[in-house]
PDB file of N, CA and C in Angstrom:
ATOM      1  N   MET A   1     226.439  44.456 171.128  1.00  0.00           N
ATOM      2  CA  MET A   1     226.569  45.480 170.543  1.00  0.00           C
ATOM      3  C   MET A   1     226.687  46.703 171.569  1.00  0.00           C
ATOM      4  N   LYS A   2     227.806  47.529 171.348  1.00  0.00           N
ATOM      5  CA  LYS A   2     227.889  48.849 172.420  1.00  0.00           C
ATOM      6  C   LYS A   2     226.751  49.840 171.236  1.00  0.00           C
ATOM      7  N   SER A   3     226.319  50.574 172.021  1.00  0.00           N
ATOM      8  CA  SER A   3     225.089  51.830 171.449  1.00  0.00           C
ATOM      9  C   SER A   3     225.990  52.728 170.508  1.00  0.00           C
ATOM     10  N   GLY A   4     227.670  52.683 171.164  1.00  0.00           N
ATOM     11  CA  GLY A   4     227.844  54.009 170.086  1.00  0.00           C
ATOM     12  C   GLY A   4     228.334  52.999 169.322  1.00  0.00           C
ATOM     13  N   GLN A   5     228.522  51.701 168.705  1.00  0.00           N
ATOM     14  CA  GLN A   5     228.533  51.078 167.012  1.00  0.00           C
ATOM     15  C   GLN A   5     227.110  51.711 166.760  1.00  0.00           C
ATOM     16  N   LEU A   6     225.989  51.508 167.049  1.00  0.00           N
ATOM     17  CA  LEU A   6     224.863  51.270 166.886  1.00  0.00           C
ATOM     18  C   LEU A   6     224.696  52.823 166.930  1.00  0.00           C
ATOM     19  N   PHE A   7     224.394  53.545 166.959  1.00  0.00           N
ATOM     20  CA  PHE A   7     224.570  55.124 166.721  1.00  0.00           C
ATOM     21  C   PHE A   7     225.642  55.211 165.447  1.00  0.00           C
ATOM     22  N   TRP A   8     226.645  54.826 164.973  1.00  0.00           N
ATOM     23  CA  TRP A   8     227.387  55.062 164.369  1.00  0.00           C
ATOM     24  C   TRP A   8     226.534  54.246 162.490  1.00  0.00           C
ATOM     25  N   GLY A   9     226.575  52.800 163.631  1.00  0.00           N
ATOM     26  CA  GLY A   9     226.357  52.185 161.833  1.00  0.00           C
ATOM     27  C   GLY A   9     224.614  52.909 160.978  1.00  0.00           C
ATOM     28  N   ALA A  10     223.977  53.077 162.457  1.00  0.00           N
ATOM     29  CA  ALA A  10     222.692  54.353 161.973  1.00  0.00           C
ATOM     30  C   ALA A  10     222.491  55.410 161.452  1.00  0.00           C
ATOM     31  N   LEU A  11     223.722  56.017 161.782  1.00  0.00           N
ATOM     32  CA  LEU A  11     224.139  56.834 160.934  1.00  0.00           C
ATOM     33  C   LEU A  11     224.663  56.964 159.761  1.00  0.00           C
ATOM     34  N   PHE A  12     225.857  56.266 159.993  1.00  0.00           N
ATOM     35  CA  PHE A  12     225.856  56.428 158.508  1.00  0.00           C
ATOM     36  C   PHE A  12     224.800  55.201 157.213  1.00  0.00           C
ATOM     37  N   LEU A  13     224.339  54.633 158.160  1.00  0.00           N
ATOM     38  CA  LEU A  13     223.557  53.536 157.216  1.00  0.00           C
ATOM     39  C   LEU A  13     222.394  55.167 156.135  1.00  0.00           C
ATOM     40  N   SER A  14     221.665  55.466 157.550  1.00  0.00           N
ATOM     41  CA  SER A  14     220.909  56.534 157.280  1.00  0.00           C
ATOM     42  C   SER A  14     221.275  57.276 156.554  1.00  0.00           C
ATOM     43  N   LEU A  15     222.095  57.660 156.453  1.00  0.00           N
ATOM     44  CA  LEU A  15     222.541  59.011 155.909  1.00  0.00           C
ATOM     45  C   LEU A  15     222.965  58.949 154.136  1.00  0.00           C
ATOM     46  N   GLY A  16     224.185  57.652 153.949  1.00  0.00           N
ATOM     47  CA  GLY A  16     224.326  56.680 153.342  1.00  0.00           C
ATOM     48  C   GLY A  16     222.947  56.695 152.188  1.00  0.00           C
ATOM     49  N   GLY A  17     221.620  56.691 152.525  1.00  0.00           N
ATOM     50  CA  GLY A  17     220.976  55.674 151.775  1.00  0.00           C
ATOM     51  C   GLY A  17     219.606  56.675 151.212  1.00  0.00           C
ATOM     52  N   PHE A  18     219.987  57.375 152.075  1.00  0.00           N
ATOM     53  CA  PHE A  18     219.413  59.777 151.695  1.00  0.00           C
ATOM     54  C   PHE A  18     219.969  59.960 150.439  1.00  0.00           C
ATOM     55  N   VAL A  19     221.424  60.179 150.762  1.00  0.00           N
ATOM     56  CA  VAL A  19     222.462  60.860 149.733  1.00  0.00           C
ATOM     57  C   VAL A  19     221.591  59.689 147.948  1.00  0.00           C
ATOM     58  N   LEU A  20     221.907  58.663 148.247  1.00  0.00           N
ATOM     59  CA  LEU A  20     221.631  57.340 147.040  1.00  0.00           C
ATOM     60  C   LEU A  20     219.769  57.426 146.840  1.00  0.00           C
ATOM     61  N   LEU A  21     219.044  57.867 147.730  1.00  0.00           N
ATOM     62  CA  LEU A  21     217.925  57.842 147.870  1.00  0.00           C
ATOM     63  C   LEU A  21     217.588  59.523 146.642  1.00  0.00           C
ATOM     64  N   ALA A  22     218.622  59.810 146.541  1.00  0.00           N
ATOM     65  CA  ALA A  22     218.219  61.761 145.797  1.00  0.00           C
ATOM     66  C   ALA A  22     218.585  61.433 144.738  1.00  0.00           C
ATOM     67  N   LYS A  23     219.887  60.211 145.064  1.00  0.00           N
ATOM     68  CA  LYS A  23     220.608  60.403 143.697  1.00  0.00           C
ATOM     69  C   LYS A  23     220.091  60.018 142.270  1.00  0.00           C
ATOM     70  N   ILE A  24     218.773  58.879 143.048  1.00  0.00           N
ATOM     71  CA  ILE A  24     217.983  57.797 141.822  1.00  0.00           C
ATOM     72  C   ILE A  24     216.928  58.923 141.817  1.00  0.00           C
ATOM     73  N   ASP A  25     217.103  60.037 142.778  1.00  0.00           N
ATOM     74  CA  ASP A  25     215.549  60.777 142.623  1.00  0.00           C
ATOM     75  C   ASP A  25     214.291  59.950 143.078  1.00  0.00           C
ATOM     76  N   ILE A  26     214.444  59.372 144.038  1.00  0.00           N
ATOM     77  CA  ILE A  26     213.017  58.504 144.403  1.00  0.00           C
ATOM     78  C   ILE A  26     212.536  59.497 145.478  1.00  0.00           C
ATOM     79  N   ILE A  27     213.796  60.197 146.783  1.00  0.00           N
ATOM     80  CA  ILE A  27     213.215  61.071 147.088  1.00  0.00           C
ATOM     81  C   ILE A  27     213.508  62.711 146.523  1.00  0.00           C
ATOM     82  N   THR A  28     213.237  63.712 146.835  1.00  0.00           N
ATOM     83  CA  THR A  28     212.807  64.837 146.267  1.00  0.00           C
ATOM     84  C   THR A  28     212.340  66.333 146.952  1.00  0.00           C
ATOM     85  N   GLY A  29     212.239  66.911 146.740  1.00  0.00           N
ATOM     86  CA  GLY A  29     211.405  67.956 147.751  1.00  0.00           C
ATOM     87  C   GLY A  29     212.418  68.683 148.407  1.00  0.00           C
ATOM     88  N   ASP A  30     211.295  69.514 149.185  1.00  0.00           N
ATOM     89  CA  ASP A  30     212.019  71.109 149.681  1.00  0.00           C
ATOM     90  C   ASP A  30     212.643  70.418 151.643  1.00  0.00           C
ATOM     91  N   TRP A  31     213.938  70.440 151.618  1.00  0.00           N
ATOM     92  CA  TRP A  31     214.239  69.888 153.233  1.00  0.00           C
ATOM     93  C   TRP A  31     214.670  71.328 153.897  1.00  0.00           C
ATOM     94  N   SER A  32     214.113  72.577 154.171  1.00  0.00           N
ATOM     95  CA  SER A  32     214.028  73.336 154.612  1.00  0.00           C
ATOM     96  C   SER A  32     213.583  72.960 155.703  1.00  0.00           C
ATOM     97  N   PHE A  33     212.551  72.328 156.433  1.00  0.00           N
ATOM     98  CA  PHE A  33     211.742  72.333 157.307  1.00  0.00           C
ATOM     99  C   PHE A  33     213.251  71.701 158.020  1.00  0.00           C
ATOM    100  N   VAL A  34     213.923  70.892 157.991  1.00  0.00           N
ATOM    101  CA  VAL A  34     215.241  70.856 158.912  1.00  0.00           C
ATOM    102  C   VAL A  34     215.708  72.046 159.823  1.00  0.00           C
ATOM    103  N   PHE A  35     215.887  72.635 159.205  1.00  0.00           N
ATOM    104  CA  PHE A  35     216.665  73.979 159.778  1.00  0.00           C
ATOM    105  C   PHE A  35     215.795  74.141 160.708  1.00  0.00           C
ATOM    106  N   ALA A  36     215.017  74.258 161.396  1.00  0.00           N
ATOM    107  CA  ALA A  36     213.655  74.557 162.271  1.00  0.00           C
ATOM    108  C   ALA A  36     213.414  73.488 163.805  1.00  0.00           C
ATOM    109  N   LEU A  37     214.454  72.098 163.301  1.00  0.00           N
ATOM    110  CA  LEU A  37     214.432  70.817 163.984  1.00  0.00           C
ATOM    111  C   LEU A  37     215.765  70.815 165.042  1.00  0.00           C
ATOM    112  N   TRP A  38     216.584  71.724 163.999  1.00  0.00           N
ATOM    113  CA  TRP A  38     217.969  71.321 165.086  1.00  0.00           C
ATOM    114  C   TRP A  38     218.104  71.245 166.403  1.00  0.00           C
ATOM    115  N   PRO A  39     217.251  72.257 167.432  1.00  0.00           N
ATOM    116  CA  PRO A  39     217.144  72.296 168.707  1.00  0.00           C
ATOM    117  C   PRO A  39     216.838  70.460 168.957  1.00  0.00           C
ATOM    118  N   LEU A  40     216.026  69.546 168.515  1.00  0.00           N
ATOM    119  CA  LEU A  40     215.958  68.583 168.621  1.00  0.00           C
ATOM    120  C   LEU A  40     217.208  67.977 169.132  1.00  0.00           C
ATOM    121  N   ILE A  41     218.058  67.789 168.968  1.00  0.00           N
ATOM    122  CA  ILE A  41     219.920  67.432 168.838  1.00  0.00           C
ATOM    123  C   ILE A  41     219.926  67.529 170.430  1.00  0.00           C
ATOM    124  N   PHE A  42     219.297  68.530 170.837  1.00  0.00           N
ATOM    125  CA  PHE A  42     219.648  68.580 172.491  1.00  0.00           C
ATOM    126  C   PHE A  42     218.373  67.908 173.476  1.00  0.00           C
ATOM    127  N   VAL A  43     217.592  67.902 172.723  1.00  0.00           N
ATOM    128  CA  VAL A  43     216.562  66.541 173.839  1.00  0.00           C
ATOM    129  C   VAL A  43     217.201  65.347 173.289  1.00  0.00           C
ATOM    130  N   VAL A  44     217.858  64.851 172.058  1.00  0.00           N
ATOM    131  CA  VAL A  44     218.783  63.378 171.626  1.00  0.00           C
ATOM    132  C   VAL A  44     219.137  63.023 173.099  1.00  0.00           C
ATOM    133  N   TRP A  45     220.059  64.290 172.742  1.00  0.00           N
ATOM    134  CA  TRP A  45     221.445  64.367 173.390  1.00  0.00           C
ATOM    135  C   TRP A  45     220.919  64.250 174.709  1.00  0.00           C
ATOM    136  N   GLY A  46     220.091  64.607 175.289  1.00  0.00           N
ATOM    137  CA  GLY A  46     219.721  64.052 177.215  1.00  0.00           C
ATOM    138  C   GLY A  46     219.487  63.451 177.061  1.00  0.00           C
ATOM    139  N   LEU A  47     218.201  62.624 176.014  1.00  0.00           N
ATOM    140  CA  LEU A  47     217.737  61.315 176.990  1.00  0.00           C
ATOM    141  C   LEU A  47     218.135  60.077 176.644  1.00  0.00           C
ATOM    142  N   ALA A  48     220.160  60.416 175.794  1.00  0.00           N
ATOM    143  CA  ALA A  48     220.812  59.446 176.044  1.00  0.00           C
ATOM    144  C   ALA A  48     221.747  59.312 177.310  1.00  0.00           C
ATOM    145  N   ILE A  49     222.141  60.460 177.870  1.00  0.00           N
ATOM    146  CA  ILE A  49     222.384  60.834 179.264  1.00  0.00           C
ATOM    147  C   ILE A  49     221.392  60.347 180.251  1.00  0.00           C
ATOM    148  N   LEU A  50     219.969  60.281 179.996  1.00  0.00           N
ATOM    149  CA  LEU A  50     219.233  60.151 181.305  1.00  0.00           C
ATOM    150  C   LEU A  50     219.047  58.137 180.714  1.00  0.00           C
ATOM    151  N   PHE A  51     219.089  57.963 179.799  1.00  0.00           N
ATOM    152  CA  PHE A  51     219.298  56.076 179.234  1.00  0.00           C
ATOM    153  C   PHE A  51     220.718  55.589 179.585  1.00  0.00           C
ATOM    154  N   ARG A  52     222.081  56.531 180.090  1.00  0.00           N
ATOM    155  CA  ARG A  52     223.355  55.680 180.120  1.00  0.00           C
ATOM    156  C   ARG A  52     223.164  54.436 180.400  1.00  0.00           C
ATOM    157  N   ASN A  53     222.647  53.877 181.251  1.00  0.00           N
ATOM    158  CA  ASN A  53     222.785  52.434 181.529  1.00  0.00           C
ATOM    159  C   ASN A  53     221.316  51.634 182.121  1.00  0.00           C
ATOM    160  N   THR A  54     221.125  52.011 180.716  1.00  0.00           N
ATOM    161  CA  THR A  54     219.352  51.041 180.944  1.00  0.00           C
ATOM    162  C   THR A  54     219.499  49.998 179.696  1.00  0.00           C
ATOM    163  N   LYS A  55     218.327  49.563 179.947  1.00  0.00           N
ATOM    164  CA  LYS A  55     218.324  48.580 177.946  1.00  0.00           C
ATOM    165  C   LYS A  55     217.675  49.647 177.182  1.00  0.00           C
ATOM    166  N   GLY A  56     217.103  51.107 177.084  1.00  0.00           N
ATOM    167  CA  GLY A  56     217.123  51.899 176.472  1.00  0.00           C
ATOM    168  C   GLY A  56     217.985  52.513 176.126  1.00  0.00           C
ATOM    169  N   ARG A  57     219.399  52.870 175.865  1.00  0.00           N
ATOM    170  CA  ARG A  57     219.615  53.252 175.933  1.00  0.00           C
ATOM    171  C   ARG A  57     220.363  52.750 174.120  1.00  0.00           C
ATOM    172  N   PRO A  58     220.179  51.366 173.764  1.00  0.00           N
ATOM    173  CA  PRO A  58     220.543  51.338 172.391  1.00  0.00           C
ATOM    174  C   PRO A  58     219.894  51.762 170.883  1.00  0.00           C
ATOM    175  N   ILE A  59     218.131  51.674 172.027  1.00  0.00           N
ATOM    176  CA  ILE A  59     217.307  52.527 171.114  1.00  0.00           C
ATOM    177  C   ILE A  59     216.867  54.108 170.827  1.00  0.00           C
ATOM    178  N   ILE A  60     218.060  54.582 171.896  1.00  0.00           N
ATOM    179  CA  ILE A  60     217.961  56.299 172.047  1.00  0.00           C
ATOM    180  C   ILE A  60     219.268  56.559 170.846  1.00  0.00           C
ATOM    181  N   SER A  61     220.179  55.506 170.657  1.00  0.00           N
ATOM    182  CA  SER A  61     221.147  55.616 170.278  1.00  0.00           C
ATOM    183  C   SER A  61     221.097  55.510 168.881  1.00  0.00           C
ATOM    184  N   PHE A  62     220.270  54.596 168.339  1.00  0.00           N
ATOM    185  CA  PHE A  62     220.043  54.031 166.940  1.00  0.00           C
ATOM    186  C   PHE A  62     219.108  55.529 167.232  1.00  0.00           C
ATOM    187  N   ILE A  63     217.865  55.590 167.247  1.00  0.00           N
ATOM    188  CA  ILE A  63     217.097  57.223 167.077  1.00  0.00           C
ATOM    189  C   ILE A  63     217.973  58.602 166.748  1.00  0.00           C
ATOM    190  N   SER A  64     219.004  58.152 167.757  1.00  0.00           N
ATOM    191  CA  SER A  64     219.327  59.551 167.194  1.00  0.00           C
ATOM    192  C   SER A  64     220.489  59.419 166.089  1.00  0.00           C
ATOM    193  N   GLY A  65     221.147  58.471 165.457  1.00  0.00           N
ATOM    194  CA  GLY A  65     222.025  58.211 164.716  1.00  0.00           C
ATOM    195  C   GLY A  65     221.246  58.472 163.293  1.00  0.00           C
ATOM    196  N   ILE A  66     219.555  57.934 163.226  1.00  0.00           N
ATOM    197  CA  ILE A  66     218.634  58.303 161.985  1.00  0.00           C
ATOM    198  C   ILE A  66     218.544  59.726 162.138  1.00  0.00           C
ATOM    199  N   PHE A  67     218.338  60.567 163.272  1.00  0.00           N
ATOM    200  CA  PHE A  67     217.666  62.125 163.066  1.00  0.00           C
ATOM    201  C   PHE A  67     219.116  62.801 163.491  1.00  0.00           C
ATOM    202  N   ILE A  68     220.201  62.859 163.350  1.00  0.00           N
ATOM    203  CA  ILE A  68     221.105  63.479 162.736  1.00  0.00           C
ATOM    204  C   ILE A  68     221.732  63.333 161.600  1.00  0.00           C
ATOM    205  N   ALA A  69     221.371  62.221 161.127  1.00  0.00           N
ATOM    206  CA  ALA A  69     222.045  62.162 159.413  1.00  0.00           C
ATOM    207  C   ALA A  69     220.768  62.289 158.757  1.00  0.00           C
ATOM    208  N   VAL A  70     219.620  62.792 159.319  1.00  0.00           N
ATOM    209  CA  VAL A  70     218.026  63.455 158.816  1.00  0.00           C
ATOM    210  C   VAL A  70     218.525  64.852 158.343  1.00  0.00           C
ATOM    211  N   LEU A  71     219.384  65.597 159.592  1.00  0.00           N
ATOM    212  CA  LEU A  71     219.224  66.828 159.593  1.00  0.00           C
ATOM    213  C   LEU A  71     220.780  67.367 159.261  1.00  0.00           C
ATOM    214  N   LEU A  72     221.802  66.447 158.849  1.00  0.00           N
ATOM    215  CA  LEU A  72     222.738  66.196 158.114  1.00  0.00           C
ATOM    216  C   LEU A  72     222.620  66.832 156.493  1.00  0.00           C
ATOM    217  N   TYR A  73     221.957  65.212 155.838  1.00  0.00           N
ATOM    218  CA  TYR A  73     220.785  65.859 155.021  1.00  0.00           C
ATOM    219  C   TYR A  73     220.459  66.617 154.340  1.00  0.00           C
ATOM    220  N   GLY A  74     219.754  67.869 155.270  1.00  0.00           N
ATOM    221  CA  GLY A  74     218.907  68.327 155.183  1.00  0.00           C
ATOM    222  C   GLY A  74     219.899  69.712 155.640  1.00  0.00           C
ATOM    223  N   PHE A  75     220.868  70.045 156.206  1.00  0.00           N
ATOM    224  CA  PHE A  75     221.469  71.074 155.768  1.00  0.00           C
ATOM    225  C   PHE A  75     222.553  70.835 154.734  1.00  0.00           C
ATOM    226  N   PHE A  76     223.037  69.776 153.770  1.00  0.00           N
ATOM    227  CA  PHE A  76     223.648  69.983 152.902  1.00  0.00           C
ATOM    228  C   PHE A  76     222.924  69.204 151.763  1.00  0.00           C
TER     229      PHE A  76
END
């Protein structure tokens, strides 16, 4: 499986999961802490560049997909 497919799969799966769990009132709370974490996008992006041609690339892609989904959910 390509790491790009893994990234998009993790992104949409976790984003959909967050929205679904919020709709049925399983997760509630204050998501304002997400605004302080946005610089971590650059850290994950840098890790993806460093691990471009290694076996760790799918793991970084999966983690970055989940992280960006959390950020998107927190922003909206």
